C-alpha atoms as a PDB file:
ATOM      1  CA  MET A   1     -91.172  63.298  12.191  1.00  0.00           C
ATOM      2  CA  ALA A   2     -94.904  62.536  11.869  1.00  0.00           C
ATOM      3  CA  ARG A   3     -96.032  59.383  13.463  1.00  0.00           C
ATOM      4  CA  ASN A   4     -97.242  56.509  11.063  1.00  0.00           C
ATOM      5  CA  TYR A   5    -100.194  54.796  12.551  1.00  0.00           C
ATOM      6  CA  GLN A   6    -101.260  51.300  11.501  1.00  0.00           C
ATOM      7  CA  ILE A   7    -105.035  51.236  10.977  1.00  0.00           C
ATOM      8  CA  GLY A   8    -105.786  48.889  13.893  1.00  0.00           C
ATOM      9  CA  GLU A   9    -103.816  50.967  16.194  1.00  0.00           C
ATOM     10  CA  ALA A  10    -105.682  54.099  15.046  1.00  0.00           C
ATOM     11  CA  VAL A  11    -109.010  52.499  15.560  1.00  0.00           C
ATOM     12  CA  GLU A  12    -108.127  51.400  19.051  1.00  0.00           C
ATOM     13  CA  ILE A  13    -106.983  54.966  20.050  1.00  0.00           C
ATOM     14  CA  ILE A  14    -110.129  56.558  18.780  1.00  0.00           C
ATOM     15  CA  ALA A  15    -112.352  53.898  20.508  1.00  0.00           C
ATOM     16  CA  LYS A  16    -110.754  54.327  23.877  1.00  0.00           C
ATOM     17  CA  GLY A  17    -110.646  58.091  23.520  1.00  0.00           C
ATOM     18  CA  GLU A  18    -107.854  58.254  26.265  1.00  0.00           C
ATOM     19  CA  ASP A  19    -104.738  59.339  24.465  1.00  0.00           C
ATOM     20  CA  MET A  20    -105.611  62.974  23.892  1.00  0.00           C
ATOM     21  CA  GLU A  21    -102.404  63.801  22.097  1.00  0.00           C
ATOM     22  CA  ALA A  22    -102.792  60.971  19.565  1.00  0.00           C
ATOM     23  CA  LEU A  23    -106.454  61.705  19.134  1.00  0.00           C
ATOM     24  CA  GLN A  24    -105.410  65.456  18.324  1.00  0.00           C
ATOM     25  CA  ASP A  25    -102.883  64.266  16.010  1.00  0.00           C
ATOM     26  CA  LEU A  26    -105.189  61.836  14.156  1.00  0.00           C
ATOM     27  CA  GLY A  27    -107.884  64.379  14.100  1.00  0.00           C
ATOM     28  CA  ARG A  28    -105.721  66.982  12.538  1.00  0.00           C
ATOM     29  CA  ARG A  29    -104.249  64.679   9.840  1.00  0.00           C
ATOM     30  CA  TYR A  30    -106.942  62.242   9.151  1.00  0.00           C
ATOM     31  CA  PRO A  31    -110.259  63.972   9.980  1.00  0.00           C
ATOM     32  CA  LEU A  32    -112.423  61.880   7.617  1.00  0.00           C
ATOM     33  CA  LEU A  33    -110.914  58.690   9.022  1.00  0.00           C
ATOM     34  CA  VAL A  34    -111.621  59.627  12.635  1.00  0.00           C
ATOM     35  CA  ALA A  35    -115.139  60.561  11.804  1.00  0.00           C
ATOM     36  CA  LYS A  36    -115.757  57.241  10.165  1.00  0.00           C
ATOM     37  CA  VAL A  37    -114.161  55.210  12.994  1.00  0.00           C
ATOM     38  CA  ALA A  38    -115.818  57.271  15.690  1.00  0.00           C
ATOM     39  CA  LYS A  39    -119.187  56.636  14.178  1.00  0.00           C
ATOM     40  CA  ALA A  40    -118.523  52.856  13.833  1.00  0.00           C
ATOM     41  CA  THR A  41    -117.321  52.511  17.406  1.00  0.00           C
ATOM     42  CA  SER A  42    -120.159  54.505  19.068  1.00  0.00           C
ATOM     43  CA  GLY A  43    -122.430  51.455  19.228  1.00  0.00           C
ATOM     44  CA  THR A  44    -122.342  48.469  21.652  1.00  0.00           C
ATOM     45  CA  ASN A  45    -120.164  46.342  19.248  1.00  0.00           C
ATOM     46  CA  VAL A  46    -117.089  48.573  19.946  1.00  0.00           C
ATOM     47  CA  ARG A  47    -114.954  45.603  21.011  1.00  0.00           C
ATOM     48  CA  GLU A  48    -115.792  43.553  18.015  1.00  0.00           C
ATOM     49  CA  VAL A  49    -114.995  46.634  15.725  1.00  0.00           C
ATOM     50  CA  VAL A  50    -111.479  47.276  17.462  1.00  0.00           C
ATOM     51  CA  GLU A  51    -110.652  43.588  17.337  1.00  0.00           C
ATOM     52  CA  LEU A  52    -111.633  43.334  13.695  1.00  0.00           C
ATOM     53  CA  PHE A  53    -109.183  46.060  12.655  1.00  0.00           C
ATOM     54  CA  SER A  54    -106.530  44.605  14.876  1.00  0.00           C
ATOM     55  CA  TYR A  55    -106.360  41.731  12.220  1.00  0.00           C
ATOM     56  CA  MET A  56    -105.519  44.138   9.499  1.00  0.00           C
ATOM     57  CA  PRO A  57    -101.973  43.748   7.986  1.00  0.00           C
ATOM     58  CA  GLU A  58     -99.339  46.193   9.026  1.00  0.00           C
ATOM     59  CA  TYR A  59     -98.859  47.817   5.711  1.00  0.00           C
ATOM     60  CA  LEU A  60    -102.436  49.067   5.852  1.00  0.00           C
ATOM     61  CA  SER A  61    -101.878  52.519   7.447  1.00  0.00           C
ATOM     62  CA  ALA A  62    -104.203  54.980   8.771  1.00  0.00           C
ATOM     63  CA  ASN A  63    -103.020  57.216   5.809  1.00  0.00           C
ATOM     64  CA  LYS A  64    -103.911  54.878   3.242  1.00  0.00           C
ATOM     65  CA  VAL A  65    -107.512  54.343   4.480  1.00  0.00           C
ATOM     66  CA  ASN A  66    -107.877  58.088   4.840  1.00  0.00           C
ATOM     67  CA  LYS A  67    -106.786  58.499   1.293  1.00  0.00           C
ATOM     68  CA  ALA A  68    -109.385  55.922   0.192  1.00  0.00           C
ATOM     69  CA  ILE A  69    -112.098  57.761   1.984  1.00  0.00           C
ATOM     70  CA  LYS A  70    -110.944  60.993   0.393  1.00  0.00           C
ATOM     71  CA  GLU A  71    -110.945  59.414  -2.970  1.00  0.00           C
ATOM     72  CA  SER A  72    -114.439  58.005  -2.629  1.00  0.00           C
ATOM     73  CA  ALA A  73    -115.594  61.452  -1.549  1.00  0.00           C
ATOM     74  CA  GLY A  74    -113.869  63.191  -4.438  1.00  0.00           C
ATOM     75  CA  LEU A  75    -111.454  65.052  -2.291  1.00  0.00           C
ATOM     76  CA  VAL A  76    -108.224  64.031  -3.810  1.00  0.00           C
ATOM     77  CA  GLU A  77    -107.371  67.277  -5.768  1.00  0.00           C
ATOM     78  CA  GLY A  78    -105.582  68.979  -2.695  1.00  0.00           C
ATOM     79  CA  LYS A  79    -102.933  67.002  -0.902  1.00  0.00           C
ATOM     80  CA  ALA A  80    -102.159  67.890   2.774  1.00  0.00           C
ATOM     81  CA  ALA A  81     -98.649  68.121   3.859  1.00  0.00           C
ATOM     82  CA  SER A  82     -99.180  65.503   6.463  1.00  0.00           C
ATOM     83  CA  ASP A  83     -99.951  63.010   3.796  1.00  0.00           C
ATOM     84  CA  ASP A  84     -96.484  63.691   2.251  1.00  0.00           C
ATOM     85  CA  ASP A  85     -94.929  63.193   5.532  1.00  0.00           C
ATOM     86  CA  ASP A  86     -96.683  59.748   5.800  1.00  0.00           C
ATOM     87  CA  GLU A  87     -95.646  58.616   2.447  1.00  0.00           C
ATOM     88  CA  ALA A  88     -92.031  59.511   3.063  1.00  0.00           C
ATOM     89  CA  GLU A  89     -92.161  57.402   6.225  1.00  0.00           C
ATOM     90  CA  GLU A  90     -93.691  54.335   4.317  1.00  0.00           C
ATOM     91  CA  LYS A  91     -91.381  54.568   1.373  1.00  0.00           C
ATOM     92  CA  PRO A  92     -87.769  53.926   2.365  1.00  0.00           C
ATOM     93  CA  VAL A  93     -85.314  56.288   0.891  1.00  0.00           C
ATOM     94  CA  LYS A  94     -82.862  54.753  -1.421  1.00  0.00           C
ATOM     95  CA  LYS A  95     -79.338  55.759  -0.892  1.00  0.00           C
ATOM     96  CA  ALA A  96     -77.349  56.879  -4.002  1.00  0.00           C
ATOM     97  CA  PRO A  97     -74.497  54.574  -4.550  1.00  0.00           C
ATOM     98  CA  ALA A  98     -71.288  55.943  -3.396  1.00  0.00           C
ATOM     99  CA  LYS A  99     -68.783  57.059  -6.063  1.00  0.00           C
ATOM    100  CA  LYS A 100     -65.620  55.314  -5.990  1.00  0.00           C
ATOM    101  CA  ALA A 101     -62.714  57.476  -5.861  1.00  0.00           C
ATOM    102  CA  PRO A 102     -60.414  57.236  -9.014  1.00  0.00           C
ATOM    103  CA  ALA A 103     -57.578  54.776  -8.297  1.00  0.00           C
ATOM    104  CA  LYS A 104     -54.203  56.567  -8.209  1.00  0.00           C
ATOM    105  CA  LYS A 105     -51.714  55.396 -10.587  1.00  0.00           C
ATOM    106  CA  THR A 106     -48.552  54.337  -9.086  1.00  0.00           C
ATOM    107  CA  PRO A 107     -45.605  56.023 -10.486  1.00  0.00           C
ATOM    108  CA  ALA A 108     -43.440  53.938 -12.782  1.00  0.00           C
ATOM    109  CA  LYS A 109     -40.305  52.677 -11.104  1.00  0.00           C
ATOM    110  CA  SER A 110     -36.935  53.708 -12.260  1.00  0.00           C
ATOM    111  CA  ALA A 111     -35.192  51.321 -14.523  1.00  0.00           C
ATOM    112  CA  ASP A 112     -31.747  52.591 -13.539  1.00  0.00           C
ATOM    113  CA  PRO A 113     -29.908  49.318 -12.272  1.00  0.00           C
ATOM    114  CA  TYR A 114     -27.391  51.411 -10.360  1.00  0.00           C
ATOM    115  CA  GLU A 115     -29.898  53.622  -8.362  1.00  0.00           C
ATOM    116  CA  GLY A 116     -29.569  53.104  -4.552  1.00  0.00           C
ATOM    117  CA  LYS A 117     -26.124  51.882  -4.637  1.00  0.00           C
ATOM    118  CA  ASP A 118     -23.307  53.583  -2.890  1.00  0.00           C
ATOM    119  CA  ALA A 119     -20.081  54.814  -4.277  1.00  0.00           C
ATOM    120  CA  ILE A 120     -17.959  51.833  -3.102  1.00  0.00           C
ATOM    121  CA  GLU A 121     -20.290  49.293  -4.613  1.00  0.00           C
ATOM    122  CA  LEU A 122     -20.208  51.071  -7.810  1.00  0.00           C
ATOM    123  CA  PHE A 123     -16.483  51.688  -7.825  1.00  0.00           C
ATOM    124  CA  LYS A 124     -16.124  47.848  -7.330  1.00  0.00           C
ATOM    125  CA  GLU A 125     -18.450  47.161 -10.196  1.00  0.00           C
ATOM    126  CA  CYS A 126     -16.269  49.246 -12.399  1.00  0.00           C
ATOM    127  CA  LYS A 127     -13.252  47.361 -11.277  1.00  0.00           C
ATOM    128  CA  LYS A 128     -14.893  43.933 -11.882  1.00  0.00           C
ATOM    129  CA  ARG A 129     -15.704  45.043 -15.455  1.00  0.00           C
ATOM    130  CA  GLY A 130     -12.357  46.503 -16.242  1.00  0.00           C
ATOM    131  CA  ILE A 131     -13.384  50.028 -16.354  1.00  0.00           C
ATOM    132  CA  LYS A 132     -10.835  52.670 -15.365  1.00  0.00           C
ATOM    133  CA  ALA A 133     -12.091  54.773 -12.614  1.00  0.00           C
ATOM    134  CA  ALA A 134     -10.471  56.980 -10.036  1.00  0.00           C
ATOM    135  CA  ALA A 135     -11.083  56.247  -6.555  1.00  0.00           C
ATOM    136  CA  LYS A 136     -13.070  58.387  -3.813  1.00  0.00           C
ATOM    137  CA  LYS A 137     -15.496  59.805  -6.450  1.00  0.00           C
ATOM    138  CA  THR A 138     -19.285  60.203  -6.222  1.00  0.00           C
ATOM    139  CA  ALA A 139     -21.772  57.396  -6.739  1.00  0.00           C
ATOM    140  CA  LYS A 140     -23.112  59.383  -9.562  1.00  0.00           C
ATOM    141  CA  PHE A 141     -19.708  59.557 -11.326  1.00  0.00           C
ATOM    142  CA  TYR A 142     -19.389  55.659 -11.141  1.00  0.00           C
ATOM    143  CA  ALA A 143     -22.902  55.265 -12.375  1.00  0.00           C
ATOM    144  CA  ASN A 144     -22.226  57.394 -15.510  1.00  0.00           C
ATOM    145  CA  LEU A 145     -19.239  55.255 -16.263  1.00  0.00           C
ATOM    146  CA  LEU A 146     -21.151  52.017 -15.936  1.00  0.00           C
ATOM    147  CA  LYS A 147     -24.106  53.437 -18.058  1.00  0.00           C
ATOM    148  CA  LYS A 148     -21.650  54.701 -20.743  1.00  0.00           C
ATOM    149  CA  ALA A 149     -20.046  51.094 -20.833  1.00  0.00           C
ATOM    150  CA  ASP A 150     -23.437  49.581 -21.068  1.00  0.00           C
ATOM    151  CA  GLU A 151     -24.312  51.657 -24.037  1.00  0.00           C
ATOM    152  CA  GLU A 152     -21.211  50.837 -25.934  1.00  0.00           C
ATOM    153  CA  ALA A 153     -21.795  47.232 -25.344  1.00  0.00           C
ATOM    154  CA  ALA A 154     -25.091  47.424 -26.600  1.00  0.00           C
ATOM    155  CA  ALA A 155     -24.019  49.264 -29.651  1.00  0.00           C
ATOM    156  CA  GLU A 156     -21.384  46.682 -30.384  1.00  0.00           C
ATOM    157  CA  ALA A 157     -23.950  43.825 -29.974  1.00  0.00           C
ATOM    158  CA  GLU A 158     -26.286  45.678 -32.702  1.00  0.00           C
ATOM    159  CA  GLU A 159     -23.247  46.055 -34.914  1.00  0.00           C
ATOM    160  CA  ALA A 160     -22.225  42.278 -34.629  1.00  0.00           C
ATOM    161  CA  GLU A 161     -25.929  41.299 -35.267  1.00  0.00           C
ATOM    162  CA  ALA A 162     -25.838  43.570 -38.387  1.00  0.00           C
ATOM    163  CA  ASP A 163     -22.770  41.788 -39.518  1.00  0.00           C
ATOM    164  CA  ASP A 164     -24.476  38.389 -39.175  1.00  0.00           C
ATOM    165  CA  ASP A 165     -27.190  39.598 -41.468  1.00  0.00           C
ATOM    166  CA  TRP A 166     -24.805  40.515 -44.215  1.00  0.00           C
ATOM    167  CA  ASP A 167     -23.148  37.049 -43.942  1.00  0.00           C
ATOM    168  CA  ASP A 168     -26.521  35.487 -44.722  1.00  0.00           C
ATOM    169  CA  ASP A 169     -27.117  37.542 -47.789  1.00  0.00           C
ATOM    170  CA  GLU A 170     -23.680  36.515 -49.416  1.00  0.00           C
ATOM    171  CA  ASP A 171     -25.232  33.779 -51.685  1.00  0.00           C
ATOM    172  CA  GLU A 172     -27.605  36.325 -53.049  1.00  0.00           C
ATOM    173  CA  GLU A 173     -26.630  39.202 -55.374  1.00  0.00           C
ATOM    174  CA  PRO A 174     -24.104  41.490 -53.807  1.00  0.00           C
ATOM    175  CA  ALA A 175     -25.581  44.439 -52.502  1.00  0.00           C
ATOM    176  CA  PRO A 176     -23.579  47.681 -51.472  1.00  0.00           C
ATOM    177  CA  LYS A 177     -22.527  47.423 -47.974  1.00  0.00           C
ATOM    178  CA  LYS A 178     -23.953  50.089 -45.556  1.00  0.00           C
ATOM    179  CA  LYS A 179     -21.362  52.034 -43.706  1.00  0.00           C
ATOM    180  CA  ALA A 180     -21.415  51.253 -39.994  1.00  0.00           C
ATOM    181  CA  PRO A 181     -22.440  54.395 -38.129  1.00  0.00           C
ATOM    182  CA  ALA A 182     -19.361  56.180 -36.806  1.00  0.00           C
ATOM    183  CA  LYS A 183     -18.943  55.605 -33.327  1.00  0.00           C
ATOM    184  CA  LYS A 184     -19.161  58.648 -31.109  1.00  0.00           C
ATOM    185  CA  THR A 185     -15.908  59.527 -29.351  1.00  0.00           C
ATOM    186  CA  ALA A 186     -16.441  58.717 -25.832  1.00  0.00           C
ATOM    187  CA  LYS A 187     -15.435  61.495 -23.541  1.00  0.00           C
ATOM    188  CA  LYS A 188     -12.378  60.811 -21.589  1.00  0.00           C
ATOM    189  CA  PRO A 189     -12.895  60.070 -17.941  1.00  0.00           C
ATOM    190  CA  GLU A 190     -11.451  62.550 -15.325  1.00  0.00           C
ATOM    191  CA  PRO A 191      -7.843  62.061 -14.756  1.00  0.00           C
ATOM    192  CA  GLU A 192      -7.195  59.082 -12.494  1.00  0.00           C
ATOM    193  CA  GLU A 193      -5.721  59.470  -9.179  1.00  0.00           C
ATOM    194  CA  GLU A 194      -3.117  57.136  -7.972  1.00  0.00           C
ATOM    195  CA  GLU A 195      -4.643  53.974  -6.872  1.00  0.00           C
ATOM    196  CA  ASP A 196      -3.485  50.916  -4.964  1.00  0.00           C
ATOM    197  CA  ASP A 197      -4.183  47.423  -5.936  1.00  0.00           C
ATOM    198  CA  ASP A 198      -6.278  46.892  -2.990  1.00  0.00           C
ATOM    199  CA  ASP A 199      -9.668  48.525  -3.471  1.00  0.00           C
ATOM    200  CA  ASP A 200     -10.123  48.686   0.320  1.00  0.00           C
ATOM    201  CA  ASP A 201      -7.093  50.788   0.620  1.00  0.00           C
ATOM    202  CA  ASP A 202      -8.357  53.418  -1.668  1.00  0.00           C
ATOM    203  CA  TRP A 203     -11.333  54.093   0.590  1.00  0.00           C
ATOM    204  CA  ASP A 204     -10.331  55.078   4.079  1.00  0.00           C
ATOM    205  CA  ILE A 205     -13.072  53.099   5.809  1.00  0.00           C
END
């Protein structure tokens, strides 16, 4: 990457004439500036000239002074590649804001209250709720029985609520009662095996 010279630094290099590599670089990139500075430092006041330019602010680069000389001479139509390099150094490149990755949606958790329970737990739950169930079946078998019982209980609760609504309307004109939806005949559970009173005896643990 091209070196970016501050004007005071460039004047000192030109006045001393010792750093051949830097002099060649300055002469290639800023020939007009080098010519002006060489002429200004050729007299007896070279130290005063170098000292004067050392007070110049850091943002005043050799490239900016060279551009000003070119503009005054009417040589601003063509733009050297080295000038572009210097401008790139002087202007910090703005980084594009990083795009955030779209947040992954967490899959909804299952609302199954019986998921994750083993067959023994579900069997005991059936016994507790008075649901007839054969022993030594799979967890899925007991879970289906419990879900079916939950659905029937919910249907009965809705029916009872509907009956309460009819009671509230007794004082108004009688309206034809809607027939309660026929209950679906529940499938008979699989034939039960003989089971002992003690649940733990049913499971040979």
